[in-house]
Amino acid sequence: MMTLATITNACPDYTIYNPLTELHIPKLLRGEFSYTLGTEVFGLPPYASVALFYAILIGGIAWMWHLAGKAEKPTETQPFPNLDGPG
């Protein structure tokens, strides 16, 4: 899974005191991302490639959540038969 660190640069220089504020956030704002499948294969702009990744990720989570909800519902809507006899 991609994080903010791997989107911009996986291995920052050790001379940077705070990589999040000195390296990753400025690169994120400028759109300087690492190479991704969307930019290399599909030729998408960097922001569109990252947005596509997160859209697919959120869509997959929502789909799995939906399937998990269906699995919890009973398959039969009829009540259990009366085992004590009639009435």
Protein backbone atom coordinates (compact mmCIF):
# COMPACT_ATOMS: atom_id res chain seq x y z
CA MET A 1 0.00 0.00 0.00
CA MET A 2 1.27 3.45 -0.84
CA THR A 3 1.78 6.02 1.87
CA LEU A 4 2.80 9.65 1.77
CA ALA A 5 6.45 8.64 2.17
CA THR A 6 6.50 6.23 -0.76
CA ILE A 7 4.49 8.52 -3.01
CA THR A 8 7.19 11.18 -2.98
CA ASN A 9 10.47 9.45 -2.06
CA ALA A 10 11.03 6.23 -0.15
CA CYS A 11 14.52 7.05 1.19
CA PRO A 12 15.11 10.68 2.17
CA ASP A 13 18.59 11.97 2.89
CA TYR A 14 19.76 11.57 6.50
CA THR A 15 20.61 15.27 6.76
CA ILE A 16 16.91 16.15 6.76
CA TYR A 17 15.69 16.72 10.31
CA ASN A 18 11.96 16.22 9.70
CA PRO A 19 11.31 14.42 6.37
CA LEU A 20 7.55 14.91 6.56
CA THR A 21 7.65 18.71 6.68
CA GLU A 22 10.92 19.31 4.84
CA LEU A 23 10.61 16.79 2.01
CA HIS A 24 7.35 14.89 1.60
CA ILE A 25 4.70 17.59 2.04
CA PRO A 26 6.50 20.11 -0.24
CA LYS A 27 6.93 17.44 -2.93
CA LEU A 28 3.30 16.38 -2.54
CA LEU A 29 2.14 19.97 -3.04
CA ARG A 30 4.35 20.35 -6.14
CA GLY A 31 3.11 17.04 -7.58
CA GLU A 32 6.54 15.39 -7.55
CA PHE A 33 5.59 11.77 -6.97
CA SER A 34 7.48 8.53 -7.41
CA TYR A 35 6.74 6.60 -10.58
CA THR A 36 3.46 4.73 -10.39
CA LEU A 37 1.55 2.41 -12.69
CA GLY A 38 -0.85 5.20 -13.63
CA THR A 39 1.87 7.59 -14.74
CA GLU A 40 4.04 5.03 -16.52
CA VAL A 41 1.50 2.76 -18.23
CA PHE A 42 -1.56 4.95 -18.66
CA GLY A 43 0.19 8.30 -19.01
CA LEU A 44 -1.90 9.98 -16.33
CA PRO A 45 -0.78 13.15 -14.59
CA PRO A 46 0.70 12.50 -11.12
CA TYR A 47 -2.32 13.77 -9.15
CA ALA A 48 -4.73 11.75 -11.31
CA SER A 49 -2.65 8.61 -10.85
CA VAL A 50 -2.69 8.93 -7.05
CA ALA A 51 -6.40 9.81 -7.07
CA LEU A 52 -7.12 6.73 -9.20
CA PHE A 53 -5.19 4.54 -6.77
CA TYR A 54 -7.14 5.81 -3.77
CA ALA A 55 -10.46 5.64 -5.65
CA ILE A 56 -9.83 1.97 -6.45
CA LEU A 57 -8.72 1.33 -2.86
CA ILE A 58 -11.81 2.97 -1.34
CA GLY A 59 -14.09 1.31 -3.90
CA GLY A 60 -12.61 -2.09 -3.05
CA ILE A 61 -13.08 -1.53 0.66
CA ALA A 62 -16.68 -0.44 0.11
CA TRP A 63 -17.34 -3.47 -2.08
CA MET A 64 -15.88 -5.85 0.53
CA TRP A 65 -17.93 -4.11 3.24
CA HIS A 66 -21.05 -4.62 1.11
CA LEU A 67 -20.25 -8.31 0.61
CA ALA A 68 -19.62 -8.74 4.34
CA GLY A 69 -23.06 -7.24 5.06
CA LYS A 70 -24.70 -9.71 2.68
CA ALA A 71 -22.95 -12.64 4.35
CA GLU A 72 -24.36 -11.70 7.77
CA LYS A 73 -28.01 -11.70 6.59
CA PRO A 74 -29.93 -14.98 6.87
CA THR A 75 -30.63 -16.69 3.58
CA GLU A 76 -34.13 -17.88 4.50
CA THR A 77 -36.81 -15.43 5.54
CA GLN A 78 -39.24 -18.07 6.79
CA PRO A 79 -39.40 -18.70 10.53
CA PHE A 80 -38.22 -21.99 12.00
CA PRO A 81 -40.82 -24.79 11.97
CA ASN A 82 -42.79 -25.38 15.15
CA LEU A 83 -41.21 -28.46 16.73
CA ASP A 84 -43.79 -28.73 19.55
CA GLY A 85 -46.58 -29.81 17.24
CA PRO A 86 -49.58 -27.95 15.90
CA GLY A 87 -50.79 -24.72 17.43
